[in-house]
Amino acid sequence: MGKTVKIVVCGMKSVGKTALLEQLVHGNITAKTEMHPTIEDTYAAYIESDKGSKEKIRFYDTAGLEPLQNIMSNQQLARHYLGFADGFLLVYDTAKPESLDVLIPLKKDIEKNKEKKDITVLVIGNKTKLNAEHQLLENTVVKASNWCAREKLKHFEVNAMDRSTLFEAFVYLSSNINPPQTKSTFPQLSIGRKP
């Protein structure tokens, strides 16, 4: 285990960012759990990578952004997140197409303002309504998948009420946030024999 990885979780208001983190870390979210709007919160977890190592990840749960049609100019992520983040989880609600629309300028803002380090960006579609408006859900997920493919982002669909759906996305995050070094930082040692 090395350094603590810092992940900023962001997206539109009421898409389930906090519910995802509560379910991942504590496993105690149900449909009857009362949730309150987040101003800012942090969560820490050790998540096993697909290589068997455990990574300590600190999640910064941000206040949700307003839908784009309710504001005059593009919203931006608070500037202090851009300086320390190792990665971002962009969360949208599959039942709210406008929540995906919020992520597009948000991702551009992250790319424009990131420092010269690799930043992992992962997109998560939270399935809050499984059967209602099925066609709308499919269209939003297809749009998200196509956008992620164009932007070379990894996309996962999850359900915050079902903890088992979260594992694949967060194991992927743990495995890819700190990829193992392929080269040693030490010079190669050669063993020679004295004649």
Protein backbone atom coordinates (compact mmCIF):
# COMPACT_ATOMS: atom_id res chain seq x y z
CA MET A 1 0.00 0.00 0.00
CA GLY A 2 1.36 3.34 -1.00
CA LYS A 3 -0.01 6.82 -0.82
CA THR A 4 -3.68 7.65 -0.37
CA VAL A 5 -5.37 8.18 -3.72
CA LYS A 6 -7.72 11.19 -3.86
CA ILE A 7 -10.88 10.86 -5.97
CA VAL A 8 -13.36 13.69 -6.44
CA VAL A 9 -16.97 12.56 -6.96
CA CYS A 10 -19.06 15.07 -8.89
CA GLY A 11 -22.18 15.49 -10.99
CA MET A 12 -25.61 17.07 -10.93
CA LYS A 13 -27.68 17.34 -7.72
CA SER A 14 -29.68 14.27 -6.69
CA VAL A 15 -28.05 11.67 -8.94
CA GLY A 16 -26.95 9.41 -6.07
CA LYS A 17 -23.31 10.37 -5.50
CA THR A 18 -23.58 10.11 -1.73
CA ALA A 19 -25.73 6.97 -1.90
CA LEU A 20 -23.06 5.27 -4.07
CA LEU A 21 -20.32 6.11 -1.58
CA GLU A 22 -22.38 5.18 1.48
CA GLN A 23 -23.24 1.83 -0.12
CA LEU A 24 -19.66 1.19 -1.19
CA VAL A 25 -18.05 2.08 2.14
CA HIS A 26 -20.73 1.11 4.67
CA GLY A 27 -23.19 -1.12 2.75
CA ASN A 28 -26.14 0.37 4.61
CA ILE A 29 -28.25 2.14 1.97
CA THR A 30 -31.80 0.98 1.23
CA ALA A 31 -34.69 2.55 -0.64
CA LYS A 32 -35.98 3.82 2.73
CA THR A 33 -32.72 5.53 3.75
CA GLU A 34 -33.21 9.26 4.17
CA MET A 35 -30.61 11.22 2.23
CA HIS A 36 -29.80 14.92 2.57
CA PRO A 37 -28.11 17.24 0.05
CA THR A 38 -24.34 17.14 0.38
CA ILE A 39 -22.27 20.26 0.88
CA GLU A 40 -18.99 18.35 1.03
CA ASP A 41 -18.00 15.11 2.69
CA THR A 42 -15.15 12.61 2.61
CA TYR A 43 -15.05 8.82 2.69
CA ALA A 44 -12.05 6.53 2.95
CA ALA A 45 -11.86 2.93 1.86
CA TYR A 46 -9.32 0.25 1.08
CA ILE A 47 -10.25 -1.25 -2.27
CA GLU A 48 -8.59 -4.34 -3.64
CA SER A 49 -7.26 -4.04 -7.17
CA ASP A 50 -7.48 -6.78 -9.75
CA LYS A 51 -3.80 -7.47 -9.01
CA GLY A 52 -4.54 -8.32 -5.36
CA SER A 53 -3.07 -5.18 -3.77
CA LYS A 54 -5.21 -2.88 -1.63
CA GLU A 55 -5.30 0.82 -2.41
CA LYS A 56 -6.35 3.41 0.15
CA ILE A 57 -8.76 5.76 -1.60
CA ARG A 58 -10.19 8.96 -0.15
CA PHE A 59 -13.37 10.07 -1.90
CA TYR A 60 -14.36 13.73 -1.85
CA ASP A 61 -18.15 13.88 -2.20
CA THR A 62 -18.99 17.28 -3.67
CA ALA A 63 -22.17 19.34 -3.65
CA GLY A 64 -24.26 18.57 -6.70
CA LEU A 65 -24.39 20.99 -9.59
CA GLU A 66 -27.58 22.51 -10.98
CA PRO A 67 -29.04 21.28 -14.30
CA LEU A 68 -27.60 23.29 -17.21
CA GLN A 69 -30.96 24.76 -18.26
CA ASN A 70 -31.35 26.38 -14.81
CA ILE A 71 -28.19 28.49 -15.04
CA MET A 72 -26.91 31.26 -17.26
CA SER A 73 -23.29 30.12 -17.68
CA ASN A 74 -21.39 26.87 -17.46
CA GLN A 75 -20.76 25.60 -13.96
CA GLN A 76 -17.31 24.68 -12.86
CA LEU A 77 -15.95 22.40 -10.24
CA ALA A 78 -14.48 24.18 -7.22
CA ARG A 79 -10.90 25.03 -8.22
CA HIS A 80 -9.25 23.47 -5.15
CA TYR A 81 -10.29 19.98 -6.30
CA LEU A 82 -8.33 20.26 -9.53
CA GLY A 83 -4.99 20.71 -7.77
CA PHE A 84 -4.96 17.61 -5.58
CA ALA A 85 -7.22 15.07 -7.31
CA ASP A 86 -5.74 11.86 -8.69
CA GLY A 87 -9.03 11.09 -10.38
CA PHE A 88 -12.67 11.99 -10.83
CA LEU A 89 -15.89 9.98 -10.71
CA LEU A 90 -18.49 11.69 -12.88
CA VAL A 91 -21.92 10.43 -11.81
CA TYR A 92 -25.20 10.78 -13.70
CA ASP A 93 -28.69 9.36 -13.20
CA THR A 94 -29.83 7.13 -16.08
CA ALA A 95 -33.39 8.44 -15.56
CA LYS A 96 -32.32 12.10 -15.90
CA PRO A 97 -30.80 12.90 -19.31
CA GLU A 98 -30.00 16.42 -18.09
CA SER A 99 -27.63 14.91 -15.51
CA LEU A 100 -25.47 13.54 -18.32
CA ASP A 101 -25.49 16.96 -20.00
CA VAL A 102 -23.91 18.44 -16.84
CA LEU A 103 -20.94 16.04 -17.13
CA ILE A 104 -19.85 17.11 -20.62
CA PRO A 105 -18.70 20.67 -19.71
CA LEU A 106 -17.48 19.37 -16.33
CA LYS A 107 -15.14 16.90 -18.06
CA LYS A 108 -13.89 19.68 -20.37
CA ASP A 109 -13.20 21.86 -17.32
CA ILE A 110 -11.22 19.04 -15.67
CA GLU A 111 -9.17 18.45 -18.82
CA LYS A 112 -8.50 22.16 -19.34
CA ASN A 113 -7.37 22.77 -15.77
CA LYS A 114 -5.57 19.60 -14.81
CA GLU A 115 -1.95 19.90 -13.96
CA LYS A 116 0.59 17.94 -15.95
CA LYS A 117 -0.30 14.62 -14.39
CA ASP A 118 -2.42 11.76 -15.56
CA ILE A 119 -5.91 11.99 -14.12
CA THR A 120 -8.26 9.04 -14.20
CA VAL A 121 -11.83 9.98 -15.11
CA LEU A 122 -14.54 7.35 -14.67
CA VAL A 123 -18.21 7.82 -15.62
CA ILE A 124 -20.89 6.05 -13.59
CA GLY A 125 -24.55 5.86 -14.56
CA ASN A 126 -26.67 5.28 -11.46
CA LYS A 127 -29.86 3.36 -12.28
CA THR A 128 -32.34 5.02 -9.92
CA LYS A 129 -35.43 3.85 -11.78
CA LEU A 130 -35.21 0.38 -13.18
CA ASN A 131 -38.51 -0.03 -15.04
CA ALA A 132 -40.13 3.39 -15.40
CA GLU A 133 -39.54 5.22 -18.67
CA HIS A 134 -37.46 2.36 -20.06
CA GLN A 135 -36.93 4.03 -23.46
CA LEU A 136 -35.63 7.22 -21.85
CA LEU A 137 -33.19 5.22 -19.72
CA GLU A 138 -31.87 3.31 -22.72
CA ASN A 139 -31.37 6.52 -24.73
CA THR A 140 -29.48 8.19 -21.87
CA VAL A 141 -27.23 5.17 -21.36
CA VAL A 142 -26.54 4.87 -25.11
CA LYS A 143 -25.71 8.58 -25.28
CA ALA A 144 -23.40 8.20 -22.26
CA SER A 145 -21.71 5.12 -23.74
CA ASN A 146 -21.13 6.89 -27.06
CA TRP A 147 -19.76 10.01 -25.35
CA CYS A 148 -17.44 7.89 -23.19
CA ALA A 149 -16.17 5.99 -26.23
CA ARG A 150 -15.39 9.28 -28.05
CA GLU A 151 -13.68 10.72 -24.96
CA LYS A 152 -11.86 7.43 -24.16
CA LEU A 153 -13.51 7.19 -20.74
CA LYS A 154 -14.53 4.03 -18.93
CA HIS A 155 -18.31 3.86 -18.36
CA PHE A 156 -20.16 1.72 -15.82
CA GLU A 157 -23.84 1.32 -15.00
CA VAL A 158 -24.58 0.66 -11.34
CA ASN A 159 -27.46 0.73 -8.88
CA ALA A 160 -26.67 2.40 -5.56
CA MET A 161 -29.25 0.15 -3.85
CA ASP A 162 -27.36 -2.99 -4.94
CA ARG A 163 -23.84 -3.04 -3.53
CA SER A 164 -22.72 -5.90 -5.79
CA THR A 165 -23.16 -3.68 -8.88
CA LEU A 166 -20.53 -1.27 -7.52
CA PHE A 167 -17.64 -3.70 -7.24
CA GLU A 168 -16.57 -3.85 -10.90
CA ALA A 169 -16.37 -0.06 -11.25
CA PHE A 170 -14.43 0.49 -8.04
CA VAL A 171 -12.04 -2.43 -8.59
CA TYR A 172 -11.37 -0.95 -12.04
CA LEU A 173 -10.72 2.43 -10.39
CA SER A 174 -8.38 0.90 -7.80
CA SER A 175 -6.52 -1.05 -10.48
CA ASN A 176 -6.06 1.88 -12.85
CA ILE A 177 -5.52 4.87 -10.61
CA ASN A 178 -1.97 3.79 -9.72
CA PRO A 179 -0.85 1.47 -12.50
CA PRO A 180 2.15 -0.64 -11.53
CA GLN A 181 5.50 0.62 -12.75
CA THR A 182 6.80 -1.26 -15.72
CA LYS A 183 10.37 -0.09 -15.24
CA SER A 184 12.42 0.04 -12.12
CA THR A 185 13.55 3.46 -11.02
CA PHE A 186 16.86 1.97 -9.92
CA PRO A 187 19.69 1.30 -12.36
CA GLN A 188 20.15 -2.33 -13.27
CA LEU A 189 22.73 -4.10 -11.18
CA SER A 190 25.09 -6.46 -12.86
CA ILE A 191 26.83 -9.24 -11.05
CA GLY A 192 30.31 -9.82 -12.26
CA ARG A 193 32.77 -12.51 -11.29
CA LYS A 194 36.36 -11.85 -10.51
CA PRO A 195 38.71 -13.85 -12.66
